[in-house]
Structures are given as structure tokens and as C-alpha cells.
C-alpha atoms as a PDB file:
ATOM      1  CA  UNK A   1      12.685 -21.379 -58.542  1.00  0.00           C
ATOM      2  CA  UNK A   2      12.254 -17.475 -58.148  1.00  0.00           C
ATOM      3  CA  UNK A   3       8.529 -17.773 -58.864  1.00  0.00           C
ATOM      4  CA  UNK A   4       8.081 -20.199 -55.959  1.00  0.00           C
ATOM      5  CA  UNK A   5       9.901 -17.795 -53.607  1.00  0.00           C
ATOM      6  CA  UNK A   6       7.733 -14.765 -54.596  1.00  0.00           C
ATOM      7  CA  UNK A   7       4.507 -17.022 -54.185  1.00  0.00           C
ATOM      8  CA  UNK A   8       5.792 -18.135 -50.707  1.00  0.00           C
ATOM      9  CA  UNK A   9       6.617 -14.529 -49.774  1.00  0.00           C
ATOM     10  CA  UNK A  10       3.145 -13.287 -50.864  1.00  0.00           C
ATOM     11  CA  UNK A  11       1.575 -16.261 -49.015  1.00  0.00           C
ATOM     12  CA  UNK A  12       3.345 -15.384 -45.859  1.00  0.00           C
ATOM     13  CA  UNK A  13       2.318 -11.740 -46.001  1.00  0.00           C
ATOM     14  CA  UNK A  14      -1.211 -12.722 -46.709  1.00  0.00           C
ATOM     15  CA  UNK A  15      -1.261 -15.134 -43.707  1.00  0.00           C
ATOM     16  CA  UNK A  16       0.475 -12.643 -41.401  1.00  0.00           C
ATOM     17  CA  UNK A  17      -1.710  -9.780 -42.449  1.00  0.00           C
ATOM     18  CA  UNK A  18      -4.711 -11.699 -41.132  1.00  0.00           C
ATOM     19  CA  UNK A  19      -6.477 -11.749 -44.446  1.00  0.00           C
ATOM     20  CA  UNK A  20      -6.755 -15.490 -44.709  1.00  0.00           C
ATOM     21  CA  UNK A  21      -7.995 -15.642 -41.179  1.00  0.00           C
ATOM     22  CA  UNK A  22     -10.640 -13.177 -41.976  1.00  0.00           C
ATOM     23  CA  UNK A  23     -11.682 -15.179 -45.053  1.00  0.00           C
ATOM     24  CA  UNK A  24     -12.110 -18.261 -42.888  1.00  0.00           C
ATOM     25  CA  UNK A  25     -14.081 -16.382 -40.289  1.00  0.00           C
ATOM     26  CA  UNK A  26     -16.337 -14.836 -42.914  1.00  0.00           C
ATOM     27  CA  UNK A  27     -16.928 -18.392 -44.387  1.00  0.00           C
ATOM     28  CA  UNK A  28     -17.777 -19.806 -40.932  1.00  0.00           C
ATOM     29  CA  UNK A  29     -20.064 -16.774 -40.229  1.00  0.00           C
ATOM     30  CA  UNK A  30     -21.773 -17.160 -43.517  1.00  0.00           C
ATOM     31  CA  UNK A  31     -22.520 -20.837 -42.714  1.00  0.00           C
ATOM     32  CA  UNK A  32     -23.870 -19.826 -39.320  1.00  0.00           C
ATOM     33  CA  UNK A  33     -26.249 -17.240 -40.966  1.00  0.00           C
ATOM     34  CA  UNK A  34     -27.658 -19.748 -43.368  1.00  0.00           C
ATOM     35  CA  UNK A  35     -28.798 -22.073 -40.349  1.00  0.00           C
ATOM     36  CA  UNK A  36     -32.181 -21.479 -39.096  1.00  0.00           C
ATOM     37  CA  UNK A  37     -32.064 -19.371 -35.863  1.00  0.00           C
ATOM     38  CA  UNK A  38     -35.437 -20.013 -34.447  1.00  0.00           C
ATOM     39  CA  UNK A  39     -34.529 -18.773 -30.991  1.00  0.00           C
ATOM     40  CA  UNK A  40     -33.064 -15.538 -32.264  1.00  0.00           C
ATOM     41  CA  UNK A  41     -36.069 -14.922 -34.583  1.00  0.00           C
ATOM     42  CA  UNK A  42     -38.510 -15.461 -31.833  1.00  0.00           C
ATOM     43  CA  UNK A  43     -37.033 -12.508 -29.836  1.00  0.00           C
ATOM     44  CA  UNK A  44     -38.323  -9.962 -32.285  1.00  0.00           C
ATOM     45  CA  UNK A  45     -41.785 -11.035 -33.009  1.00  0.00           C
ATOM     46  CA  UNK A  46     -44.945  -8.950 -32.825  1.00  0.00           C
ATOM     47  CA  UNK A  47     -47.231 -11.577 -31.577  1.00  0.00           C
ATOM     48  CA  UNK A  48     -46.582 -14.775 -29.570  1.00  0.00           C
ATOM     49  CA  UNK A  49     -48.565 -17.694 -28.420  1.00  0.00           C
ATOM     50  CA  UNK A  50     -48.548 -21.479 -27.712  1.00  0.00           C
ATOM     51  CA  UNK A  51     -50.498 -24.383 -29.172  1.00  0.00           C
ATOM     52  CA  UNK A  52     -51.101 -27.730 -27.558  1.00  0.00           C
ATOM     53  CA  UNK A  53     -49.975 -29.833 -30.456  1.00  0.00           C
ATOM     54  CA  UNK A  54     -46.829 -31.509 -31.607  1.00  0.00           C
ATOM     55  CA  UNK A  55     -44.493 -29.489 -33.990  1.00  0.00           C
ATOM     56  CA  UNK A  56     -45.195 -31.337 -37.189  1.00  0.00           C
ATOM     57  CA  UNK A  57     -48.852 -30.747 -36.894  1.00  0.00           C
ATOM     58  CA  UNK A  58     -48.465 -27.039 -36.177  1.00  0.00           C
ATOM     59  CA  UNK A  59     -45.909 -26.569 -38.923  1.00  0.00           C
ATOM     60  CA  UNK A  60     -48.498 -28.186 -41.447  1.00  0.00           C
ATOM     61  CA  UNK A  61     -51.190 -25.881 -40.235  1.00  0.00           C
ATOM     62  CA  UNK A  62     -48.872 -22.872 -40.486  1.00  0.00           C
ATOM     63  CA  UNK A  63     -48.265 -23.829 -44.155  1.00  0.00           C
ATOM     64  CA  UNK A  64     -52.007 -24.264 -44.880  1.00  0.00           C
ATOM     65  CA  UNK A  65     -52.916 -20.957 -43.230  1.00  0.00           C
ATOM     66  CA  UNK A  66     -50.412 -19.047 -45.460  1.00  0.00           C
ATOM     67  CA  UNK A  67     -52.153 -20.452 -48.623  1.00  0.00           C
ATOM     68  CA  UNK A  68     -55.620 -19.801 -47.029  1.00  0.00           C
ATOM     69  CA  UNK A  69     -54.814 -16.201 -46.191  1.00  0.00           C
ATOM     70  CA  UNK A  70     -53.105 -15.260 -49.470  1.00  0.00           C
ATOM     71  CA  UNK A  71     -49.593 -14.941 -48.037  1.00  0.00           C
ATOM     72  CA  UNK A  72     -47.044 -15.346 -50.722  1.00  0.00           C
ATOM     73  CA  UNK A  73     -44.321 -17.593 -49.248  1.00  0.00           C
ATOM     74  CA  UNK A  74     -40.783 -16.794 -50.161  1.00  0.00           C
ATOM     75  CA  UNK A  75     -38.906 -19.182 -48.026  1.00  0.00           C
ATOM     76  CA  UNK A  76     -39.558 -21.986 -45.571  1.00  0.00           C
ATOM     77  CA  UNK A  77     -36.799 -23.451 -43.462  1.00  0.00           C
ATOM     78  CA  UNK A  78     -36.553 -25.984 -40.840  1.00  0.00           C
ATOM     79  CA  UNK A  79     -33.661 -26.347 -38.453  1.00  0.00           C
ATOM     80  CA  UNK A  80     -31.475 -29.455 -38.429  1.00  0.00           C
ATOM     81  CA  UNK A  81     -33.548 -31.192 -35.664  1.00  0.00           C
ATOM     82  CA  UNK A  82     -36.803 -30.503 -37.539  1.00  0.00           C
ATOM     83  CA  UNK A  83     -38.318 -29.128 -34.406  1.00  0.00           C
ATOM     84  CA  UNK A  84     -38.107 -25.492 -35.388  1.00  0.00           C
ATOM     85  CA  UNK A  85     -38.707 -23.487 -38.519  1.00  0.00           C
ATOM     86  CA  UNK A  86     -39.377 -20.156 -40.079  1.00  0.00           C
ATOM     87  CA  UNK A  87     -41.884 -19.299 -42.814  1.00  0.00           C
ATOM     88  CA  UNK A  88     -41.199 -15.947 -44.587  1.00  0.00           C
ATOM     89  CA  UNK A  89     -43.500 -14.246 -46.987  1.00  0.00           C
ATOM     90  CA  UNK A  90     -45.487 -11.321 -47.891  1.00  0.00           C
ATOM     91  CA  UNK A  91     -48.878  -9.937 -48.971  1.00  0.00           C
ATOM     92  CA  UNK A  92     -50.069  -6.936 -51.043  1.00  0.00           C
ATOM     93  CA  UNK A  93     -50.008  -4.899 -47.914  1.00  0.00           C
ATOM     94  CA  UNK A  94     -47.277  -6.451 -45.823  1.00  0.00           C
ATOM     95  CA  UNK A  95     -43.577  -6.306 -46.842  1.00  0.00           C
ATOM     96  CA  UNK A  96     -42.750  -9.093 -44.355  1.00  0.00           C
ATOM     97  CA  UNK A  97     -44.606 -11.834 -42.697  1.00  0.00           C
ATOM     98  CA  UNK A  98     -42.622 -14.202 -40.703  1.00  0.00           C
ATOM     99  CA  UNK A  99     -43.894 -17.284 -38.887  1.00  0.00           C
ATOM    100  CA  UNK A 100     -41.576 -18.866 -36.398  1.00  0.00           C
ATOM    101  CA  UNK A 101     -42.602 -22.310 -35.293  1.00  0.00           C
ATOM    102  CA  UNK A 102     -40.680 -23.977 -32.336  1.00  0.00           C
ATOM    103  CA  UNK A 103     -41.307 -27.123 -30.367  1.00  0.00           C
ATOM    104  CA  UNK A 104     -41.416 -26.357 -26.681  1.00  0.00           C
ATOM    105  CA  UNK A 105     -42.266 -30.075 -25.598  1.00  0.00           C
ATOM    106  CA  UNK A 106     -43.295 -32.936 -27.488  1.00  0.00           C
ATOM    107  CA  UNK A 107     -46.880 -31.894 -27.105  1.00  0.00           C
ATOM    108  CA  UNK A 108     -46.585 -27.960 -26.972  1.00  0.00           C
ATOM    109  CA  UNK A 109     -45.351 -25.682 -29.803  1.00  0.00           C
ATOM    110  CA  UNK A 110     -44.576 -22.030 -29.655  1.00  0.00           C
ATOM    111  CA  UNK A 111     -45.496 -19.523 -32.425  1.00  0.00           C
ATOM    112  CA  UNK A 112     -44.071 -16.217 -32.995  1.00  0.00           C
ATOM    113  CA  UNK A 113     -45.507 -14.060 -35.847  1.00  0.00           C
ATOM    114  CA  UNK A 114     -43.929 -10.812 -37.261  1.00  0.00           C
ATOM    115  CA  UNK A 115     -46.357  -8.812 -39.527  1.00  0.00           C
ATOM    116  CA  UNK A 116     -44.862  -5.737 -40.890  1.00  0.00           C
ATOM    117  CA  UNK A 117     -46.398  -3.369 -43.457  1.00  0.00           C
ATOM    118  CA  UNK A 118     -43.083  -1.948 -43.972  1.00  0.00           C
ATOM    119  CA  UNK A 119     -39.729  -3.317 -42.962  1.00  0.00           C
ATOM    120  CA  UNK A 120     -36.487  -1.883 -44.293  1.00  0.00           C
ATOM    121  CA  UNK A 121     -33.025  -3.058 -43.414  1.00  0.00           C
ATOM    122  CA  UNK A 122     -31.519  -0.698 -40.569  1.00  0.00           C
ATOM    123  CA  UNK A 123     -34.711   1.468 -40.483  1.00  0.00           C
ATOM    124  CA  UNK A 124     -36.529   2.036 -37.365  1.00  0.00           C
ATOM    125  CA  UNK A 125     -39.870   0.290 -37.095  1.00  0.00           C
ATOM    126  CA  UNK A 126     -42.919   2.496 -36.105  1.00  0.00           C
ATOM    127  CA  UNK A 127     -46.324   1.495 -34.627  1.00  0.00           C
ATOM    128  CA  UNK A 128     -47.929   2.047 -37.841  1.00  0.00           C
ATOM    129  CA  UNK A 129     -45.450  -0.607 -39.548  1.00  0.00           C
ATOM    130  CA  UNK A 130     -46.549  -3.300 -37.069  1.00  0.00           C
ATOM    131  CA  UNK A 131     -49.808  -5.273 -37.796  1.00  0.00           C
ATOM    132  CA  UNK A 132     -50.656  -7.147 -34.551  1.00  0.00           C
ATOM    133  CA  UNK A 133     -54.398  -7.659 -35.660  1.00  0.00           C
ATOM    134  CA  UNK A 134     -53.147  -9.606 -38.887  1.00  0.00           C
ATOM    135  CA  UNK A 135     -50.532 -11.497 -36.705  1.00  0.00           C
ATOM    136  CA  UNK A 136     -53.476 -12.457 -34.552  1.00  0.00           C
ATOM    137  CA  UNK A 137     -55.414 -13.721 -37.442  1.00  0.00           C
ATOM    138  CA  UNK A 138     -52.624 -15.853 -38.666  1.00  0.00           C
ATOM    139  CA  UNK A 139     -52.142 -17.298 -35.134  1.00  0.00           C
ATOM    140  CA  UNK A 140     -55.907 -17.933 -34.986  1.00  0.00           C
ATOM    141  CA  UNK A 141     -55.766 -19.636 -38.420  1.00  0.00           C
ATOM    142  CA  UNK A 142     -53.006 -21.887 -37.358  1.00  0.00           C
ATOM    143  CA  UNK A 143     -54.772 -22.879 -34.164  1.00  0.00           C
ATOM    144  CA  UNK A 144     -57.971 -23.603 -36.205  1.00  0.00           C
ATOM    145  CA  UNK A 145     -55.843 -25.584 -38.587  1.00  0.00           C
ATOM    146  CA  UNK A 146     -54.352 -27.792 -35.832  1.00  0.00           C
ATOM    147  CA  UNK A 147     -57.824 -28.426 -34.610  1.00  0.00           C
ATOM    148  CA  UNK A 148     -58.935 -29.778 -37.974  1.00  0.00           C
ATOM    149  CA  UNK A 149     -55.938 -31.788 -38.374  1.00  0.00           C
ATOM    150  CA  UNK A 150     -56.624 -33.800 -35.191  1.00  0.00           C
END
């Protein structure tokens, strides 16, 4: 009986201290971080454009372009509605390549590309780190790929 009392007391202190609530918040926050945030990712791209094609076609062209350009894909994720996704990879000279694909309408898809030669967590990005010409080449490859698919 005494053990139950001690366990109840510890549980009450734990709940009142806010630790349990913090654990629940951290769990909910972790789930939110694993979801694909296409809209948020689109805000920090280096190059942006639109393609007159439906999302699925552009997504396939983006994956084909990564292979064609020698981009080593580390992760590709689609959102729940399968109308947005992010392809993350790297090359020998780029620490981070990110291709964000988002359906704007049923016939128009937005593309955002981040091509960084160097990108470290919490470090400022300089102009030398951003490779806009390479991002532009990726976009042109995706555009060309969409034309070949149709």
C-alpha cells in the first residue's frame, strides 16, 4: 500500500511540474516535424519557377532529373494529399540540394530549388554557398523532362 502511495505522489509531482505536458508537446511537435512542410520549405529556396503540367508529371520529371544530373537522393517525401513533395540530395560539390514540388492548380505546378555548396545548421549562408546557376540547370532539366513525358 505504501508503494502505491509513493507512486501516486511521484506521479502527481510529475504532472504538476509540467514535465508530462512537455513530453506530450514534444511528441506532438515531433510528429509535426516529420510531416512534409512544402509551403515552409518553399520560403527558403534559391530558385523558383512554375511549369504548366500536373503534379505527378512534374514529380516524375524531378526524380528523373536528379538521376540524370548525378544528384545522390537521400530522401524523397510526399505530403498526405500527394500534391506536394520534397526531394533532398547532394552532389560532390553541393552539400544540400532540395527540390520542392507543389501543385498550384490541377494543371500548374510550382518548383522551388535550393542548391547549396555549403550549408550547416545555424550557420549564415553567404553568396558563395548558393549555386543559382546549378539550381537553374535543375529547373531546366525538370521542364525538359515534363516536355518529354507528354
